[in-house]
């Protein structure tokens, strides 16, 4: 049975695992196929990689806990929207 096509939302949910090299080979291949046909996701992934590159130099203690909580809240709301 062929694996279903990846959506842009699917890609967003696993983009950091992709950048970390933490995807299994089948999921990585599925994501790579999506990137071949989706310039928006290629752009998103490039931007995310740049953010990781730039922010990866900050010690975790430098991030205000209120900012972390606010970002986590936004992400949870976004995920809940996708499950409807």
Protein backbone atom coordinates (compact mmCIF):
# COMPACT_ATOMS: atom_id res chain seq x y z
CA UNK A 1 0.00 0.00 0.00
CA UNK A 2 1.50 3.37 -0.98
CA UNK A 3 2.05 5.93 1.76
CA UNK A 4 -0.26 8.93 1.67
CA UNK A 5 1.04 12.19 0.27
CA UNK A 6 2.42 14.60 2.80
CA UNK A 7 0.55 17.85 3.35
CA UNK A 8 2.12 21.17 4.21
CA UNK A 9 0.70 20.85 7.73
CA UNK A 10 2.32 17.41 8.06
CA UNK A 11 5.65 18.91 7.06
CA UNK A 12 5.41 21.72 9.60
CA UNK A 13 4.79 19.21 12.37
CA UNK A 14 7.97 17.22 11.63
CA UNK A 15 10.25 19.93 10.21
CA UNK A 16 12.51 20.13 13.26
CA UNK A 17 12.92 16.34 13.30
CA UNK A 18 13.87 16.58 9.62
CA UNK A 19 16.48 19.25 10.31
CA UNK A 20 17.81 17.21 13.25
CA UNK A 21 18.11 14.10 11.07
CA UNK A 22 15.72 12.29 13.39
CA UNK A 23 13.18 11.00 10.82
CA UNK A 24 13.07 7.39 9.78
CA UNK A 25 14.11 6.85 6.14
CA UNK A 26 10.55 6.36 4.85
CA UNK A 27 9.25 9.55 6.47
CA UNK A 28 12.30 11.49 5.27
CA UNK A 29 11.71 10.26 1.71
CA UNK A 30 8.04 11.27 1.98
CA UNK A 31 9.04 14.74 3.14
CA UNK A 32 11.66 15.05 0.40
CA UNK A 33 9.02 14.17 -2.23
CA UNK A 34 6.77 16.91 -0.85
CA UNK A 35 9.61 19.43 -0.99
CA UNK A 36 10.16 18.65 -4.68
CA UNK A 37 6.69 20.00 -5.51
CA UNK A 38 6.09 22.66 -2.84
CA UNK A 39 8.09 25.88 -3.03
CA UNK A 40 6.26 27.25 0.03
CA UNK A 41 7.50 24.40 2.20
CA UNK A 42 11.01 24.67 0.77
CA UNK A 43 10.98 28.34 1.79
CA UNK A 44 9.53 27.51 5.23
CA UNK A 45 12.19 24.86 5.84
CA UNK A 46 14.98 27.23 4.77
CA UNK A 47 13.65 29.92 7.11
CA UNK A 48 13.34 27.43 9.98
CA UNK A 49 16.89 26.19 9.40
CA UNK A 50 18.12 29.80 9.55
CA UNK A 51 16.20 30.48 12.77
CA UNK A 52 17.66 27.33 14.32
CA UNK A 53 21.12 28.38 13.17
CA UNK A 54 20.79 31.85 14.67
CA UNK A 55 18.98 30.98 17.88
CA UNK A 56 20.95 27.85 18.53
CA UNK A 57 23.70 30.10 19.82
CA UNK A 58 21.60 31.43 22.73
CA UNK A 59 21.84 29.67 26.07
CA UNK A 60 18.44 28.32 27.17
CA UNK A 61 18.61 30.40 30.34
CA UNK A 62 18.51 33.57 28.23
CA UNK A 63 14.95 32.87 27.07
CA UNK A 64 12.30 34.45 29.27
CA UNK A 65 9.98 31.71 30.63
CA UNK A 66 6.96 33.90 29.79
CA UNK A 67 8.04 33.92 26.13
CA UNK A 68 8.41 30.14 26.15
CA UNK A 69 4.93 29.77 27.70
CA UNK A 70 3.39 32.16 25.15
CA UNK A 71 4.96 30.33 22.22
CA UNK A 72 3.86 26.96 23.60
CA UNK A 73 0.31 28.29 23.95
CA UNK A 74 0.25 29.52 20.36
CA UNK A 75 1.60 26.20 19.11
CA UNK A 76 -1.00 24.21 21.10
CA UNK A 77 -3.81 26.39 19.68
CA UNK A 78 -2.47 25.91 16.16
CA UNK A 79 -2.33 22.12 16.62
CA UNK A 80 -5.89 22.04 18.00
CA UNK A 81 -7.13 23.94 14.94
CA UNK A 82 -5.61 21.27 12.70
CA UNK A 83 -7.40 18.43 14.49
CA UNK A 84 -10.88 19.80 13.83
